[in-house]
Amino acid sequence: MNRETATTIFWWPARVLHWLMAAMILAMLFVGAGLVASVSERHAWLLALHKPLGIAILLLAVLRLALRLRHRPPPLPRDLAPAVRLAAHASHWLLYALMLAMPLIGWAMLSAGGYPVELGAGVRLPPIAPFDPSWFAALRWLHRALAHALFALVLAHLGAALYHGLIRRDGVLRSMLWRQRSAPD
């Protein structure tokens, strides 16, 4: 890989984490929607899936943020308007904030409700909030509201990626794909 290509694509661990977390977050959003819509026996199964998936997303988000701070992403195209650049940067940092906040708020919510956060194989996380039914209710509302915000932000992120990849064709989408197309001779 030449120096020019190296500065126009994301570092490969960042790409792996991006796509892994994209799949996990989409799964989590649908599992969460199923949780609030189900009173059947599936509820316990969905909850048993939701908790460890949330903690895995939290850990991967911390790793991803550390990698992003150490390995800067490629620059945006120079011809983007300043407002678009600001929106792109702000939306990425908001995605990071939500990837960190959602699992922490969920964990605190369960702690406030007196529910253990069990990850399977006998692993149980300690509570991070005191038992308090009013806190449980407030955190449950916040967790749901932020889930809706995350879903909207994911849709906007997907829309922006498709705009860059299909309309502008400026390399922004290509910078996060697995395989890079070689430049024409």
N, C-alpha and C. Protein backbone atom coordinates (compact mmCIF):
# COMPACT_ATOMS: atom_id res chain seq x y z
N MET A 1 0.86 -1.17 0.00
CA MET A 1 0.00 0.00 0.00
C MET A 1 0.90 1.23 0.00
N ASN A 2 0.63 2.14 -0.90
CA ASN A 2 1.46 3.34 -0.95
C ASN A 2 0.98 4.37 0.08
N ARG A 3 1.79 5.41 0.30
CA ARG A 3 1.48 6.42 1.31
C ARG A 3 0.16 7.13 1.02
N GLU A 4 -0.14 7.40 -0.25
CA GLU A 4 -1.38 8.10 -0.60
C GLU A 4 -2.59 7.26 -0.23
N THR A 5 -2.54 5.94 -0.54
CA THR A 5 -3.65 5.06 -0.21
C THR A 5 -3.82 4.97 1.30
N ALA A 6 -2.71 4.92 2.02
CA ALA A 6 -2.77 4.79 3.47
C ALA A 6 -3.47 5.98 4.12
N THR A 7 -3.42 7.14 3.51
CA THR A 7 -4.06 8.31 4.11
C THR A 7 -5.49 8.49 3.62
N THR A 8 -5.95 7.67 2.69
CA THR A 8 -7.31 7.83 2.18
C THR A 8 -8.24 6.71 2.61
N ILE A 9 -7.72 5.74 3.36
CA ILE A 9 -8.57 4.68 3.89
C ILE A 9 -8.37 4.57 5.39
N PHE A 10 -9.37 4.04 6.05
CA PHE A 10 -9.26 3.82 7.48
C PHE A 10 -8.31 2.67 7.75
N TRP A 11 -7.63 2.72 8.87
CA TRP A 11 -6.75 1.66 9.32
C TRP A 11 -7.59 0.39 9.43
N TRP A 12 -7.04 -0.77 9.04
CA TRP A 12 -7.84 -1.99 8.96
C TRP A 12 -8.51 -2.38 10.28
N PRO A 13 -7.89 -2.23 11.46
CA PRO A 13 -8.64 -2.55 12.68
C PRO A 13 -9.87 -1.65 12.87
N ALA A 14 -9.76 -0.40 12.44
CA ALA A 14 -10.91 0.50 12.54
C ALA A 14 -12.04 0.02 11.62
N ARG A 15 -11.68 -0.47 10.44
CA ARG A 15 -12.72 -0.99 9.53
C ARG A 15 -13.37 -2.23 10.10
N VAL A 16 -12.57 -3.14 10.67
CA VAL A 16 -13.12 -4.37 11.26
C VAL A 16 -14.08 -4.00 12.39
N LEU A 17 -13.64 -3.13 13.29
CA LEU A 17 -14.49 -2.72 14.40
C LEU A 17 -15.75 -2.01 13.92
N HIS A 18 -15.62 -1.17 12.91
CA HIS A 18 -16.77 -0.45 12.37
C HIS A 18 -17.86 -1.42 11.93
N TRP A 19 -17.50 -2.39 11.11
CA TRP A 19 -18.51 -3.30 10.56
C TRP A 19 -19.01 -4.28 11.60
N LEU A 20 -18.15 -4.74 12.49
CA LEU A 20 -18.59 -5.61 13.58
C LEU A 20 -19.58 -4.88 14.46
N MET A 21 -19.24 -3.65 14.83
CA MET A 21 -20.12 -2.89 15.71
C MET A 21 -21.40 -2.46 14.99
N ALA A 22 -21.32 -2.20 13.71
CA ALA A 22 -22.53 -1.86 12.95
C ALA A 22 -23.53 -3.01 13.04
N ALA A 23 -23.04 -4.23 12.82
CA ALA A 23 -23.93 -5.40 12.91
C ALA A 23 -24.46 -5.57 14.33
N MET A 24 -23.59 -5.39 15.32
CA MET A 24 -24.01 -5.55 16.72
C MET A 24 -25.03 -4.49 17.14
N ILE A 25 -24.81 -3.25 16.71
CA ILE A 25 -25.73 -2.17 17.09
C ILE A 25 -27.08 -2.36 16.41
N LEU A 26 -27.08 -2.72 15.14
CA LEU A 26 -28.36 -2.99 14.48
C LEU A 26 -29.09 -4.14 15.16
N ALA A 27 -28.36 -5.21 15.47
CA ALA A 27 -28.99 -6.33 16.18
C ALA A 27 -29.53 -5.86 17.53
N MET A 28 -28.74 -5.06 18.23
CA MET A 28 -29.17 -4.57 19.54
C MET A 28 -30.42 -3.72 19.45
N LEU A 29 -30.49 -2.86 18.45
CA LEU A 29 -31.68 -2.02 18.29
C LEU A 29 -32.93 -2.88 18.06
N PHE A 30 -32.80 -3.92 17.25
CA PHE A 30 -33.96 -4.78 16.98
C PHE A 30 -34.27 -5.68 18.18
N VAL A 31 -33.24 -6.14 18.89
CA VAL A 31 -33.48 -6.92 20.10
C VAL A 31 -34.19 -6.04 21.13
N GLY A 32 -33.74 -4.80 21.28
CA GLY A 32 -34.37 -3.88 22.22
C GLY A 32 -35.82 -3.61 21.85
N ALA A 33 -36.08 -3.43 20.55
CA ALA A 33 -37.47 -3.23 20.12
C ALA A 33 -38.31 -4.46 20.43
N GLY A 34 -37.72 -5.63 20.23
CA GLY A 34 -38.44 -6.86 20.57
C GLY A 34 -38.70 -6.99 22.05
N LEU A 35 -37.76 -6.52 22.86
CA LEU A 35 -37.94 -6.57 24.32
C LEU A 35 -39.15 -5.77 24.78
N VAL A 36 -39.28 -4.57 24.26
CA VAL A 36 -40.38 -3.72 24.73
C VAL A 36 -41.71 -4.12 24.09
N ALA A 37 -41.66 -4.94 23.05
CA ALA A 37 -42.89 -5.33 22.37
C ALA A 37 -43.34 -6.74 22.74
N SER A 38 -42.56 -7.45 23.54
CA SER A 38 -42.85 -8.86 23.80
C SER A 38 -43.16 -9.10 25.26
N VAL A 39 -44.19 -9.86 25.51
CA VAL A 39 -44.49 -10.35 26.86
C VAL A 39 -44.50 -11.87 26.86
N SER A 40 -44.03 -12.46 25.78
CA SER A 40 -44.00 -13.92 25.66
C SER A 40 -42.76 -14.49 26.31
N GLU A 41 -42.56 -15.78 26.16
CA GLU A 41 -41.36 -16.44 26.69
C GLU A 41 -40.10 -15.95 26.00
N ARG A 42 -40.24 -15.32 24.84
CA ARG A 42 -39.09 -14.76 24.14
C ARG A 42 -38.47 -13.59 24.90
N HIS A 43 -39.22 -12.96 25.76
CA HIS A 43 -38.72 -11.80 26.50
C HIS A 43 -37.47 -12.16 27.30
N ALA A 44 -37.50 -13.27 28.03
CA ALA A 44 -36.34 -13.67 28.83
C ALA A 44 -35.14 -13.97 27.93
N TRP A 45 -35.39 -14.62 26.81
CA TRP A 45 -34.31 -14.94 25.87
C TRP A 45 -33.72 -13.66 25.28
N LEU A 46 -34.58 -12.72 24.90
CA LEU A 46 -34.09 -11.45 24.35
C LEU A 46 -33.29 -10.67 25.38
N LEU A 47 -33.76 -10.67 26.62
CA LEU A 47 -33.05 -9.97 27.69
C LEU A 47 -31.69 -10.61 27.95
N ALA A 48 -31.65 -11.94 27.92
CA ALA A 48 -30.38 -12.65 28.12
C ALA A 48 -29.40 -12.36 26.98
N LEU A 49 -29.90 -12.02 25.82
CA LEU A 49 -29.06 -11.64 24.68
C LEU A 49 -28.68 -10.15 24.76
N HIS A 50 -29.62 -9.32 25.20
CA HIS A 50 -29.44 -7.87 25.22
C HIS A 50 -28.32 -7.44 26.18
N LYS A 51 -28.26 -8.03 27.35
CA LYS A 51 -27.29 -7.60 28.37
C LYS A 51 -25.84 -7.83 27.92
N PRO A 52 -25.45 -9.05 27.56
CA PRO A 52 -24.04 -9.24 27.16
C PRO A 52 -23.70 -8.52 25.86
N LEU A 53 -24.67 -8.39 24.97
CA LEU A 53 -24.42 -7.66 23.73
C LEU A 53 -24.16 -6.19 24.04
N GLY A 54 -24.90 -5.62 24.97
CA GLY A 54 -24.68 -4.23 25.37
C GLY A 54 -23.31 -4.02 25.99
N ILE A 55 -22.89 -4.94 26.84
CA ILE A 55 -21.56 -4.82 27.47
C ILE A 55 -20.47 -5.01 26.42
N ALA A 56 -20.67 -5.92 25.48
CA ALA A 56 -19.69 -6.10 24.40
C ALA A 56 -19.57 -4.83 23.56
N ILE A 57 -20.71 -4.19 23.27
CA ILE A 57 -20.68 -2.93 22.52
C ILE A 57 -19.93 -1.86 23.32
N LEU A 58 -20.17 -1.80 24.61
CA LEU A 58 -19.47 -0.83 25.45
C LEU A 58 -17.95 -1.04 25.40
N LEU A 59 -17.52 -2.27 25.56
CA LEU A 59 -16.07 -2.56 25.53
C LEU A 59 -15.47 -2.26 24.17
N LEU A 60 -16.17 -2.65 23.11
CA LEU A 60 -15.66 -2.38 21.76
C LEU A 60 -15.67 -0.89 21.44
N ALA A 61 -16.65 -0.15 21.97
CA ALA A 61 -16.69 1.30 21.75
C ALA A 61 -15.49 1.97 22.42
N VAL A 62 -15.12 1.51 23.62
CA VAL A 62 -13.94 2.06 24.29
C VAL A 62 -12.70 1.76 23.46
N LEU A 63 -12.57 0.52 22.99
CA LEU A 63 -11.43 0.15 22.14
C LEU A 63 -11.42 0.98 20.86
N ARG A 64 -12.58 1.11 20.25
CA ARG A 64 -12.67 1.85 18.99
C ARG A 64 -12.31 3.32 19.17
N LEU A 65 -12.77 3.91 20.24
CA LEU A 65 -12.45 5.31 20.52
C LEU A 65 -10.94 5.46 20.75
N ALA A 66 -10.34 4.54 21.49
CA ALA A 66 -8.90 4.60 21.72
C ALA A 66 -8.13 4.48 20.41
N LEU A 67 -8.57 3.58 19.54
CA LEU A 67 -7.92 3.43 18.24
C LEU A 67 -8.08 4.68 17.39
N ARG A 68 -9.26 5.29 17.43
CA ARG A 68 -9.51 6.49 16.64
C ARG A 68 -8.64 7.65 17.11
N LEU A 69 -8.44 7.75 18.41
CA LEU A 69 -7.59 8.82 18.94
C LEU A 69 -6.12 8.59 18.60
N ARG A 70 -5.73 7.33 18.47
CA ARG A 70 -4.34 7.00 18.15
C ARG A 70 -4.08 7.01 16.65
N HIS A 71 -5.05 6.59 15.85
CA HIS A 71 -4.91 6.53 14.39
C HIS A 71 -6.01 7.39 13.77
N ARG A 72 -5.65 8.56 13.38
CA ARG A 72 -6.63 9.52 12.85
C ARG A 72 -7.29 8.97 11.59
N PRO A 73 -8.59 9.24 11.44
CA PRO A 73 -9.27 8.80 10.22
C PRO A 73 -8.81 9.64 9.03
N PRO A 74 -9.05 9.13 7.83
CA PRO A 74 -8.68 9.92 6.65
C PRO A 74 -9.47 11.23 6.61
N PRO A 75 -8.90 12.25 6.00
CA PRO A 75 -9.61 13.53 5.94
C PRO A 75 -10.83 13.45 5.03
N LEU A 76 -11.78 14.30 5.32
CA LEU A 76 -12.94 14.43 4.44
C LEU A 76 -12.52 15.15 3.15
N PRO A 77 -13.29 14.98 2.09
CA PRO A 77 -12.97 15.69 0.84
C PRO A 77 -12.90 17.20 1.08
N ARG A 78 -11.95 17.83 0.45
CA ARG A 78 -11.73 19.28 0.67
C ARG A 78 -12.87 20.14 0.17
N ASP A 79 -13.64 19.64 -0.79
CA ASP A 79 -14.70 20.48 -1.36
C ASP A 79 -16.01 20.42 -0.57
N LEU A 80 -16.03 19.73 0.57
CA LEU A 80 -17.25 19.73 1.39
C LEU A 80 -17.44 21.09 2.04
N ALA A 81 -18.67 21.53 2.08
CA ALA A 81 -18.99 22.81 2.73
C ALA A 81 -18.67 22.73 4.21
N PRO A 82 -18.28 23.83 4.82
CA PRO A 82 -17.96 23.83 6.26
C PRO A 82 -19.09 23.28 7.14
N ALA A 83 -20.32 23.59 6.81
CA ALA A 83 -21.45 23.09 7.61
C ALA A 83 -21.56 21.57 7.49
N VAL A 84 -21.27 21.03 6.32
CA VAL A 84 -21.32 19.58 6.12
C VAL A 84 -20.19 18.91 6.89
N ARG A 85 -19.00 19.52 6.86
CA ARG A 85 -17.88 18.99 7.64
C ARG A 85 -18.21 18.96 9.13
N LEU A 86 -18.78 20.06 9.60
CA LEU A 86 -19.16 20.14 11.01
C LEU A 86 -20.20 19.07 11.35
N ALA A 87 -21.19 18.89 10.50
CA ALA A 87 -22.22 17.87 10.73
C ALA A 87 -21.60 16.47 10.73
N ALA A 88 -20.66 16.21 9.83
CA ALA A 88 -20.02 14.90 9.78
C ALA A 88 -19.24 14.63 11.06
N HIS A 89 -18.44 15.59 11.48
CA HIS A 89 -17.65 15.40 12.70
C HIS A 89 -18.56 15.29 13.93
N ALA A 90 -19.55 16.15 14.02
CA ALA A 90 -20.46 16.13 15.17
C ALA A 90 -21.23 14.81 15.23
N SER A 91 -21.69 14.32 14.09
CA SER A 91 -22.46 13.07 14.09
C SER A 91 -21.58 11.88 14.49
N HIS A 92 -20.32 11.89 14.08
CA HIS A 92 -19.43 10.80 14.48
C HIS A 92 -19.19 10.81 15.99
N TRP A 93 -18.94 11.99 16.55
CA TRP A 93 -18.72 12.06 17.99
C TRP A 93 -19.99 11.73 18.76
N LEU A 94 -21.15 12.10 18.19
CA LEU A 94 -22.41 11.74 18.84
C LEU A 94 -22.63 10.23 18.79
N LEU A 95 -22.24 9.59 17.69
CA LEU A 95 -22.31 8.12 17.63
C LEU A 95 -21.45 7.50 18.73
N TYR A 96 -20.23 7.99 18.90
CA TYR A 96 -19.37 7.47 19.96
C TYR A 96 -20.01 7.69 21.32
N ALA A 97 -20.55 8.87 21.55
CA ALA A 97 -21.18 9.17 22.83
C ALA A 97 -22.33 8.21 23.11
N LEU A 98 -23.15 7.95 22.10
CA LEU A 98 -24.28 7.04 22.28
C LEU A 98 -23.83 5.60 22.44
N MET A 99 -22.77 5.19 21.74
CA MET A 99 -22.26 3.83 21.89
C MET A 99 -21.72 3.60 23.30
N LEU A 100 -21.24 4.65 23.95
CA LEU A 100 -20.78 4.54 25.33
C LEU A 100 -21.93 4.71 26.33
N ALA A 101 -22.79 5.68 26.06
CA ALA A 101 -23.85 6.00 27.02
C ALA A 101 -24.95 4.94 27.09
N MET A 102 -25.35 4.42 25.96
CA MET A 102 -26.47 3.46 25.96
C MET A 102 -26.22 2.26 26.87
N PRO A 103 -25.08 1.56 26.75
CA PRO A 103 -24.87 0.42 27.65
C PRO A 103 -24.73 0.84 29.11
N LEU A 104 -24.08 1.98 29.36
CA LEU A 104 -23.93 2.43 30.74
C LEU A 104 -25.27 2.80 31.36
N ILE A 105 -26.12 3.45 30.59
CA ILE A 105 -27.45 3.81 31.09
C ILE A 105 -28.29 2.55 31.30
N GLY A 106 -28.18 1.60 30.37
CA GLY A 106 -28.90 0.33 30.54
C GLY A 106 -28.45 -0.41 31.80
N TRP A 107 -27.15 -0.45 32.02
CA TRP A 107 -26.59 -1.10 33.21
C TRP A 107 -27.06 -0.38 34.48
N ALA A 108 -27.00 0.95 34.47
CA ALA A 108 -27.47 1.73 35.63
C ALA A 108 -28.96 1.52 35.85
N MET A 109 -29.73 1.46 34.75
CA MET A 109 -31.17 1.25 34.85
C MET A 109 -31.46 -0.09 35.54
N LEU A 110 -30.78 -1.14 35.09
CA LEU A 110 -31.00 -2.46 35.70
C LEU A 110 -30.56 -2.45 37.16
N SER A 111 -29.46 -1.78 37.44
CA SER A 111 -29.00 -1.68 38.83
C SER A 111 -30.04 -0.98 39.69
N ALA A 112 -30.58 0.12 39.21
CA ALA A 112 -31.59 0.87 39.97
C ALA A 112 -32.88 0.07 40.14
N GLY A 113 -33.15 -0.84 39.21
CA GLY A 113 -34.33 -1.69 39.33
C GLY A 113 -34.09 -2.93 40.16
N GLY A 114 -32.85 -3.13 40.60
CA GLY A 114 -32.53 -4.31 41.39
C GLY A 114 -32.34 -5.56 40.55
N TYR A 115 -32.14 -5.39 39.26
CA TYR A 115 -31.96 -6.53 38.37
C TYR A 115 -30.46 -6.75 38.11
N PRO A 116 -30.01 -7.98 38.21
CA PRO A 116 -28.59 -8.22 37.96
C PRO A 116 -28.25 -8.15 36.47
N VAL A 117 -27.03 -7.78 36.18
CA VAL A 117 -26.53 -7.81 34.81
C VAL A 117 -25.66 -9.06 34.71
N GLU A 118 -26.29 -10.12 34.21
CA GLU A 118 -25.61 -11.39 34.05
C GLU A 118 -25.18 -11.55 32.60
N LEU A 119 -23.92 -11.94 32.43
CA LEU A 119 -23.37 -12.05 31.08
C LEU A 119 -23.27 -13.50 30.62
N GLY A 120 -23.69 -14.42 31.43
CA GLY A 120 -23.58 -15.84 31.10
C GLY A 120 -22.35 -16.43 31.74
N ALA A 121 -22.29 -17.76 31.79
CA ALA A 121 -21.16 -18.49 32.37
C ALA A 121 -20.90 -18.05 33.81
N GLY A 122 -21.95 -17.65 34.52
CA GLY A 122 -21.79 -17.26 35.91
C GLY A 122 -21.20 -15.89 36.16
N VAL A 123 -21.03 -15.10 35.10
CA VAL A 123 -20.46 -13.76 35.25
C VAL A 123 -21.58 -12.78 35.51
N ARG A 124 -21.46 -12.08 36.64
CA ARG A 124 -22.45 -11.07 37.03
C ARG A 124 -21.71 -9.79 37.33
N LEU A 125 -22.14 -8.71 36.69
CA LEU A 125 -21.51 -7.41 36.92
C LEU A 125 -22.08 -6.77 38.18
N PRO A 126 -21.27 -5.98 38.87
CA PRO A 126 -21.77 -5.30 40.07
C PRO A 126 -22.72 -4.17 39.67
N PRO A 127 -23.63 -3.82 40.56
CA PRO A 127 -24.51 -2.68 40.25
C PRO A 127 -23.70 -1.39 40.19
N ILE A 128 -24.12 -0.47 39.31
CA ILE A 128 -23.43 0.82 39.22
C ILE A 128 -24.34 1.96 39.66
N ALA A 129 -25.53 1.63 40.13
CA ALA A 129 -26.45 2.62 40.67
C ALA A 129 -27.18 1.97 41.85
N PRO A 130 -27.56 2.76 42.82
CA PRO A 130 -28.29 2.19 43.95
C PRO A 130 -29.72 1.81 43.55
N PHE A 131 -30.27 0.87 44.27
CA PHE A 131 -31.66 0.48 44.03
C PHE A 131 -32.57 1.67 44.31
N ASP A 132 -33.35 2.06 43.31
CA ASP A 132 -34.27 3.18 43.45
C ASP A 132 -35.27 3.11 42.30
N PRO A 133 -36.52 2.74 42.61
CA PRO A 133 -37.51 2.59 41.54
C PRO A 133 -37.74 3.85 40.72
N SER A 134 -37.63 5.02 41.34
CA SER A 134 -37.82 6.25 40.55
C SER A 134 -36.66 6.47 39.59
N TRP A 135 -35.45 6.12 40.03
CA TRP A 135 -34.29 6.20 39.11
C TRP A 135 -34.44 5.18 37.99
N PHE A 136 -34.93 3.99 38.33
CA PHE A 136 -35.16 2.96 37.32
C PHE A 136 -36.09 3.50 36.23
N ALA A 137 -37.19 4.13 36.64
CA ALA A 137 -38.16 4.65 35.67
C ALA A 137 -37.53 5.75 34.81
N ALA A 138 -36.79 6.66 35.43
CA ALA A 138 -36.16 7.75 34.68
C ALA A 138 -35.10 7.21 33.71
N LEU A 139 -34.30 6.27 34.18
CA LEU A 139 -33.26 5.70 33.31
C LEU A 139 -33.85 4.85 32.20
N ARG A 140 -34.96 4.19 32.48
CA ARG A 140 -35.63 3.41 31.43
C ARG A 140 -36.13 4.34 30.32
N TRP A 141 -36.73 5.46 30.73
CA TRP A 141 -37.19 6.44 29.73
C TRP A 141 -36.00 6.96 28.93
N LEU A 142 -34.91 7.32 29.61
CA LEU A 142 -33.73 7.85 28.94
C LEU A 142 -33.12 6.81 27.99
N HIS A 143 -33.04 5.56 28.43
CA HIS A 143 -32.49 4.50 27.60
C HIS A 143 -33.30 4.35 26.31
N ARG A 144 -34.60 4.39 26.44
CA ARG A 144 -35.49 4.27 25.27
C ARG A 144 -35.35 5.50 24.36
N ALA A 145 -35.33 6.69 24.93
CA ALA A 145 -35.21 7.92 24.12
C ALA A 145 -33.89 7.93 23.37
N LEU A 146 -32.81 7.55 24.04
CA LEU A 146 -31.51 7.53 23.36
C LEU A 146 -31.43 6.41 22.32
N ALA A 147 -32.15 5.32 22.54
CA ALA A 147 -32.21 4.26 21.51
C ALA A 147 -32.86 4.80 20.24
N HIS A 148 -33.93 5.58 20.40
CA HIS A 148 -34.56 6.20 19.22
C HIS A 148 -33.60 7.17 18.54
N ALA A 149 -32.87 7.94 19.34
CA ALA A 149 -31.89 8.88 18.78
C ALA A 149 -30.78 8.12 18.05
N LEU A 150 -30.32 7.02 18.64
CA LEU A 150 -29.28 6.22 18.00
C LEU A 150 -29.77 5.64 16.68
N PHE A 151 -31.00 5.16 16.67
CA PHE A 151 -31.55 4.61 15.43
C PHE A 151 -31.62 5.69 14.35
N ALA A 152 -32.07 6.87 14.71
CA ALA A 152 -32.13 7.98 13.75
C ALA A 152 -30.73 8.36 13.26
N LEU A 153 -29.78 8.38 14.16
CA LEU A 153 -28.40 8.74 13.79
C LEU A 153 -27.78 7.67 12.90
N VAL A 154 -28.08 6.40 13.17
CA VAL A 154 -27.59 5.31 12.31
C VAL A 154 -28.17 5.46 10.90
N LEU A 155 -29.46 5.78 10.82
CA LEU A 155 -30.07 5.99 9.50
C LEU A 155 -29.44 7.18 8.77
N ALA A 156 -29.17 8.26 9.49
CA ALA A 156 -28.51 9.42 8.88
C ALA A 156 -27.10 9.06 8.42
N HIS A 157 -26.38 8.28 9.22
CA HIS A 157 -25.03 7.84 8.88
C HIS A 157 -25.06 6.97 7.62
N LEU A 158 -26.01 6.06 7.56
CA LEU A 158 -26.17 5.22 6.37
C LEU A 158 -26.51 6.08 5.16
N GLY A 159 -27.41 7.03 5.32
CA GLY A 159 -27.77 7.93 4.22
C GLY A 159 -26.57 8.73 3.73
N ALA A 160 -25.76 9.23 4.66
CA ALA A 160 -24.57 9.99 4.28
C ALA A 160 -23.57 9.11 3.55
N ALA A 161 -23.40 7.86 4.03
CA ALA A 161 -22.47 6.94 3.37
C ALA A 161 -22.93 6.65 1.94
N LEU A 162 -24.22 6.42 1.76
CA LEU A 162 -24.74 6.16 0.42
C LEU A 162 -24.62 7.40 -0.47
N TYR A 163 -24.84 8.57 0.09
CA TYR A 163 -24.68 9.82 -0.66
C TYR A 163 -23.25 9.95 -1.17
N HIS A 164 -22.29 9.69 -0.27
CA HIS A 164 -20.88 9.78 -0.68
C HIS A 164 -20.51 8.70 -1.68
N GLY A 165 -21.07 7.49 -1.50
CA GLY A 165 -20.70 6.38 -2.36
C GLY A 165 -21.39 6.36 -3.70
N LEU A 166 -22.66 6.76 -3.74
CA LEU A 166 -23.43 6.64 -4.98
C LEU A 166 -23.60 7.94 -5.75
N ILE A 167 -23.61 9.05 -5.04
CA ILE A 167 -23.85 10.33 -5.71
C ILE A 167 -22.54 11.11 -5.88
N ARG A 168 -21.88 11.39 -4.79
CA ARG A 168 -20.62 12.16 -4.88
C ARG A 168 -19.47 11.32 -5.42
N ARG A 169 -19.46 10.06 -5.08
CA ARG A 169 -18.36 9.15 -5.50
C ARG A 169 -17.00 9.75 -5.17
N ASP A 170 -16.88 10.21 -3.94
CA ASP A 170 -15.67 10.93 -3.53
C ASP A 170 -14.70 10.10 -2.68
N GLY A 171 -14.97 8.81 -2.54
CA GLY A 171 -14.06 7.94 -1.81
C GLY A 171 -14.34 7.81 -0.32
N VAL A 172 -15.29 8.56 0.20
CA VAL A 172 -15.58 8.49 1.64
C VAL A 172 -16.11 7.10 2.00
N LEU A 173 -17.08 6.60 1.27
CA LEU A 173 -17.60 5.25 1.54
C LEU A 173 -16.52 4.21 1.28
N ARG A 174 -15.82 4.34 0.21
CA ARG A 174 -14.77 3.38 -0.15
C ARG A 174 -13.69 3.30 0.93
N SER A 175 -13.46 4.39 1.67
CA SER A 175 -12.42 4.39 2.70
C SER A 175 -12.73 3.45 3.85
N MET A 176 -13.99 3.02 3.98
CA MET A 176 -14.37 2.14 5.08
C MET A 176 -14.70 0.73 4.60
N LEU A 177 -14.58 0.47 3.31
CA LEU A 177 -14.89 -0.85 2.79
C LEU A 177 -13.71 -1.79 2.97
N TRP A 178 -14.00 -3.08 2.89
CA TRP A 178 -12.98 -4.11 3.09
C TRP A 178 -11.91 -4.08 2.01
N ARG A 179 -12.35 -4.06 0.78
CA ARG A 179 -11.43 -4.18 -0.33
C ARG A 179 -11.36 -2.86 -1.08
N GLN A 180 -10.18 -2.40 -1.31
CA GLN A 180 -9.99 -1.12 -1.98
C GLN A 180 -9.79 -1.38 -3.47
N ARG A 181 -10.50 -0.63 -4.25
CA ARG A 181 -10.33 -0.71 -5.70
C ARG A 181 -9.06 0.03 -6.08
N SER A 182 -8.28 -0.58 -6.94
CA SER A 182 -7.04 0.11 -7.35
C SER A 182 -7.37 1.24 -8.28
N ALA A 183 -6.54 2.25 -8.25
CA ALA A 183 -6.74 3.44 -9.09
C ALA A 183 -6.46 3.07 -10.54
N PRO A 184 -7.22 3.66 -11.46
CA PRO A 184 -6.97 3.36 -12.88
C PRO A 184 -5.60 3.86 -13.31
N ASP A 185 -4.99 3.13 -14.24
CA ASP A 185 -3.66 3.53 -14.72
C ASP A 185 -3.73 4.66 -15.71
